[in-house]
Protein backbone atom coordinates (compact mmCIF):
# COMPACT_ATOMS: atom_id res chain seq x y z
CA MET A 1 63.49 37.97 -1.57
CA LYS A 2 63.52 35.83 1.61
CA LYS A 3 60.60 37.88 3.00
CA ILE A 4 58.58 37.30 -0.19
CA ILE A 5 59.24 33.54 -0.11
CA ALA A 6 58.26 33.37 3.56
CA LEU A 7 55.02 35.25 2.82
CA LEU A 8 54.15 32.89 -0.02
CA LEU A 9 54.77 29.83 2.18
CA ALA A 10 52.49 31.26 4.90
CA LEU A 11 49.67 31.85 2.41
CA ALA A 12 50.06 28.32 1.05
CA LEU A 13 49.76 26.81 4.55
CA LEU A 14 46.62 28.83 5.26
CA GLY A 15 45.09 27.64 2.01
CA ALA A 16 45.90 24.01 2.81
CA CYS A 17 44.19 24.26 6.20
CA ALA A 18 41.06 25.89 4.75
CA ALA A 19 40.58 23.49 1.80
CA PRO A 20 38.64 20.56 3.43
CA VAL A 21 35.87 22.68 4.96
CA VAL A 22 32.62 20.69 5.34
CA VAL A 23 29.36 22.61 5.60
CA VAL A 24 26.75 20.83 7.73
CA GLU A 25 23.13 21.95 7.53
CA THR A 26 20.89 20.60 10.26
CA THR A 27 17.11 20.76 10.13
CA ALA A 28 14.33 18.88 11.87
CA GLU A 29 14.24 16.27 9.10
CA TYR A 30 17.61 16.15 7.34
CA VAL A 31 21.35 16.35 7.93
CA THR A 32 23.32 17.11 4.75
CA THR A 33 26.99 17.82 3.99
CA GLU A 34 28.95 18.74 0.91
CA GLN A 35 30.71 15.37 1.10
CA ALA A 36 27.55 13.25 1.43
CA THR A 37 24.82 12.30 -1.01
CA THR A 38 21.49 13.66 0.19
CA THR A 39 18.60 11.20 0.07
CA THR A 40 14.96 12.14 0.47
CA GLU A 41 13.20 10.28 3.25
CA TRP A 42 9.49 9.43 3.19
CA ILE A 43 7.67 11.97 5.36
CA PRO A 44 4.11 11.14 6.40
CA LEU A 45 1.38 13.64 5.73
CA GLU A 46 0.12 15.67 8.65
CA THR A 47 -2.21 13.50 10.67
CA GLN A 48 -5.54 14.45 12.15
CA PRO A 49 -6.08 13.77 15.88
CA LEU A 50 -8.26 10.78 16.59
CA VAL A 51 -9.73 9.40 19.76
CA LEU A 52 -8.42 5.86 19.38
CA PRO A 53 -10.13 2.95 21.14
CA THR A 54 -8.32 1.78 24.27
CA SER A 55 -9.40 -1.84 23.78
CA PHE A 56 -10.87 -4.04 21.08
CA ARG A 57 -13.60 -6.62 21.53
CA GLY A 58 -12.46 -10.21 21.32
CA ALA A 59 -8.80 -9.40 20.57
CA PRO A 60 -5.86 -10.25 22.85
CA GLU A 61 -4.14 -7.14 24.20
CA VAL A 62 -0.98 -7.90 22.22
CA TYR A 63 -2.91 -6.99 19.05
CA TRP A 64 -4.41 -3.70 20.25
CA PRO A 65 -1.57 -1.52 18.79
CA VAL A 66 -2.13 -3.17 15.37
CA LEU A 67 -5.87 -2.58 15.59
CA ARG A 68 -5.38 1.08 16.49
CA TYR A 69 -3.46 1.47 13.23
CA LEU A 70 -6.25 -0.36 11.39
CA TYR A 71 -8.66 2.15 12.96
CA MET A 72 -6.53 4.98 11.50
CA PHE A 73 -6.32 3.16 8.16
CA ASN A 74 -10.12 3.13 8.01
CA ASP A 75 -10.32 6.88 8.67
CA SER A 76 -11.18 9.39 5.94
CA HIS A 77 -8.20 11.68 6.60
CA GLU A 78 -5.42 10.92 4.12
CA GLY A 79 -2.66 11.70 6.60
CA ASN A 80 -4.01 9.13 9.04
CA VAL A 81 -4.32 6.53 6.30
CA MET A 82 -0.76 7.01 5.04
CA TYR A 83 0.66 7.03 8.58
CA ALA A 84 -1.18 3.79 9.40
CA MET A 85 -0.01 2.13 6.17
CA ASP A 86 3.60 2.92 7.03
CA ALA A 87 3.21 1.71 10.63
CA LEU A 88 1.58 -1.56 9.51
CA GLY A 89 4.26 -2.22 6.90
CA PHE A 90 1.85 -1.63 4.05
CA ALA A 91 4.24 0.50 1.98
CA GLY A 92 2.83 0.73 -1.53
CA PHE A 93 -0.34 -0.92 -0.26
CA GLY A 94 -2.63 1.54 -2.00
CA PHE A 95 -6.20 2.27 -1.00
CA ALA A 96 -7.81 -0.80 -2.58
CA ALA A 97 -8.05 -2.61 0.76
CA ARG A 98 -9.94 0.25 2.41
CA GLY A 99 -13.63 -0.13 2.87
CA ASN A 100 -15.63 -1.59 5.68
CA ASN A 101 -12.55 -2.79 7.54
CA GLY A 102 -12.66 -5.16 10.46
CA TYR A 103 -10.86 -8.06 12.04
CA ALA A 104 -11.21 -11.61 13.28
CA VAL A 105 -9.36 -13.57 15.95
CA VAL A 106 -8.84 -17.25 15.14
CA ASP A 107 -6.46 -20.03 16.19
CA ILE A 108 -5.70 -21.12 12.65
CA ASN A 109 -3.52 -24.13 13.48
CA GLY A 110 -4.86 -25.40 16.82
CA ASP A 111 -1.75 -24.63 18.89
CA GLY A 112 -3.63 -22.48 21.41
CA ILE A 113 -2.18 -19.20 20.04
CA TYR A 114 -4.81 -16.92 18.54
CA GLU A 115 -3.94 -15.17 15.28
CA LEU A 116 -5.26 -11.77 14.18
CA ILE A 117 -6.72 -11.41 10.68
CA LEU A 118 -7.27 -7.92 9.29
CA LEU A 119 -10.23 -7.86 6.91
CA GLY A 120 -12.01 -5.72 4.36
CA GLN A 121 -15.64 -6.20 3.43
CA PHE A 122 -17.17 -4.38 0.51
CA GLU A 123 -20.90 -4.30 -0.03
CA GLY A 124 -22.24 -7.63 -1.27
CA GLN A 125 -18.91 -9.42 -0.85
CA ALA A 126 -17.50 -11.80 1.73
CA PRO A 127 -14.72 -10.46 3.98
CA HIS A 128 -11.30 -10.65 2.34
CA MET A 129 -7.96 -10.90 4.11
CA ILE A 130 -5.74 -7.84 4.24
CA ALA A 131 -3.10 -9.11 6.68
CA LEU A 132 -2.37 -11.95 9.07
CA PHE A 133 -0.57 -11.67 12.41
CA THR A 134 0.51 -14.12 15.07
CA GLN A 135 2.13 -13.41 18.44
CA HIS A 136 5.44 -14.35 20.01
CA ASP A 137 6.84 -13.29 23.39
CA GLY A 138 4.14 -10.65 23.78
CA VAL A 139 4.73 -9.06 20.36
CA ALA A 140 2.51 -9.11 17.24
CA VAL A 141 4.32 -10.66 14.25
CA ARG A 142 3.04 -10.02 10.71
CA LEU A 143 2.94 -13.19 8.61
CA GLY A 144 1.66 -11.68 5.37
CA SER A 145 -0.35 -8.92 3.73
CA TRP A 146 -2.35 -8.70 0.50
CA THR A 147 -3.06 -5.82 -1.87
CA HIS A 148 -5.32 -5.28 -4.86
CA ARG A 149 -2.83 -7.39 -6.89
CA ALA A 150 -2.80 -10.23 -4.38
CA SER A 151 -5.40 -12.22 -2.52
CA ALA A 152 -5.50 -15.03 0.00
CA VAL A 153 -8.00 -17.66 1.08
CA LEU A 154 -7.70 -19.43 4.45
CA THR A 155 -9.33 -22.84 4.68
CA VAL A 156 -10.62 -24.65 7.77
CA ASP A 157 -7.53 -26.91 7.84
CA GLY A 158 -5.29 -23.84 8.26
CA ILE A 159 -3.92 -23.76 4.71
CA ILE A 160 -3.42 -20.30 3.17
CA TYR A 161 -3.84 -20.16 -0.61
CA ASP A 162 -2.12 -17.06 -1.96
CA ARG A 163 -2.37 -15.53 -5.43
CA ALA A 164 -0.22 -12.64 -6.66
CA SER A 165 -0.52 -11.15 -10.15
CA ASN A 166 2.43 -9.42 -11.80
CA SER A 167 0.51 -8.72 -15.03
CA SER A 168 -2.31 -10.12 -17.14
CA GLU A 169 0.05 -12.87 -18.32
CA SER A 170 2.09 -13.55 -15.19
CA SER A 171 0.99 -14.74 -11.75
CA VAL A 172 2.19 -16.76 -8.77
CA HIS A 173 0.14 -19.13 -6.64
CA THR A 174 1.34 -20.64 -3.39
CA SER A 175 -0.08 -22.59 -0.50
CA ALA A 176 1.36 -22.34 3.00
CA LYS A 177 0.59 -23.11 6.62
CA LEU A 178 1.60 -21.87 10.05
CA GLU A 179 3.29 -24.62 12.02
CA PRO A 180 2.49 -24.73 15.77
CA GLY A 181 4.43 -22.02 17.61
CA ALA A 182 6.03 -20.71 14.41
CA THR A 183 6.48 -17.04 13.48
CA ARG A 184 6.66 -17.52 9.70
CA LEU A 185 4.65 -19.45 7.15
CA THR A 186 5.90 -22.72 5.70
CA THR A 187 5.40 -22.98 1.92
CA LEU A 188 3.66 -26.15 0.80
CA SER A 189 3.39 -25.55 -2.94
CA PHE A 190 4.54 -23.02 -5.54
CA HIS A 191 3.29 -22.43 -9.09
CA GLU A 192 4.33 -19.54 -11.32
CA HIS A 193 2.86 -18.95 -14.77
CA ASP A 194 4.08 -16.65 -17.53
CA PHE A 195 3.83 -16.15 -21.28
CA ILE A 196 7.32 -16.18 -22.82
CA ASP A 197 8.31 -16.28 -26.51
CA GLY A 198 4.74 -16.91 -27.60
CA GLN A 199 3.95 -19.83 -25.31
CA ASN A 200 2.56 -20.54 -21.86
CA VAL A 201 5.17 -21.73 -19.39
CA MET A 202 5.12 -22.74 -15.74
CA ARG A 203 7.55 -23.58 -12.98
CA THR A 204 7.02 -25.14 -9.56
CA VAL A 205 10.21 -23.89 -7.88
CA PRO A 206 11.12 -20.21 -7.43
CA HIS A 207 13.70 -19.24 -10.08
CA GLY A 208 13.49 -22.79 -11.47
CA GLU A 209 13.42 -23.89 -15.09
CA TRP A 210 10.35 -22.99 -17.14
CA GLN A 211 8.33 -25.85 -18.62
CA PRO A 212 5.79 -25.55 -21.46
CA SER A 213 2.18 -25.73 -20.32
CA SER A 214 -1.18 -25.58 -22.04
CA GLU A 215 -3.82 -22.94 -21.40
CA GLU A 216 -6.24 -25.68 -20.24
CA GLU A 217 -3.77 -27.01 -17.65
CA ILE A 218 -3.14 -23.53 -16.28
CA GLN A 219 -6.82 -22.63 -16.03
CA ALA A 220 -7.66 -25.89 -14.24
CA LEU A 221 -4.83 -25.42 -11.76
CA TRP A 222 -5.72 -21.78 -11.09
CA HIS A 223 -9.38 -22.64 -10.53
CA ASN A 224 -8.50 -25.17 -7.83
CA LEU A 225 -6.02 -22.86 -6.11
CA ILE A 226 -8.21 -19.75 -6.20
CA ASN A 227 -11.33 -21.62 -5.06
CA PRO A 228 -10.11 -24.17 -2.50
CA PRO A 229 -12.73 -26.25 -0.70
CA ASN A 230 -13.93 -25.39 2.81
CA PRO A 231 -12.88 -21.75 3.18
CA MET A 232 -12.78 -20.59 6.79
CA GLN A 233 -15.72 -18.44 7.90
CA PHE A 234 -14.78 -15.41 9.98
CA ASN A 235 -16.60 -13.66 12.79
CA PHE A 236 -16.21 -10.20 11.23
CA ILE A 237 -15.80 -7.51 13.93
CA PRO A 238 -16.06 -3.96 12.49
CA ILE A 239 -13.09 -1.82 13.51
CA GLU A 240 -15.36 1.02 14.63
CA GLN A 241 -16.65 -1.05 17.56
């Protein structure tokens, strides 16, 4: 009987040692275990080799890496486009901004620091802003980007008028400026419109209280914000050059 009990105890100890086994599977892209929740990471499509420009006309050297990605974004190979979108921080950007892409270099606030504006220009249309960068300590800093659901107009006084549409009945309009030496935009005004419970409403503070508004008031406000006076004219430099 003592031998049987001793045998049972030995088997129980072996089982206790073997219970918490963790299987680790290592591949080039993922590390998964039985005790961890596996998440799928975004993997860029296979890219196509490109002979990227080593310099870009009129642009400070700090912006050349950004412009190389814009060069890839303008390419016809989908892998290059998706890779460039990810590198530029254009996740979910879509292809609406692709076209005759180019750039402009402008000191938008007169502080002696030149900003980089990424542009798209479709046939018969004026160049439209895709993204805006400034520089700080030798590094390009992205200030904003705009998709097919958002647009921006930069005026000669350095004010950026931004419109973002959430739906046909909801949109946000802001104005902002880049203070001298700053690395982020300072908001000057905020207007959000929506249609709630059968009426037009507006608020002038993010997450603030909605106030009733008439259709005429909203249309007049939107017209002034979308079409501000004295828009800045850009020296459009095609990315292919």
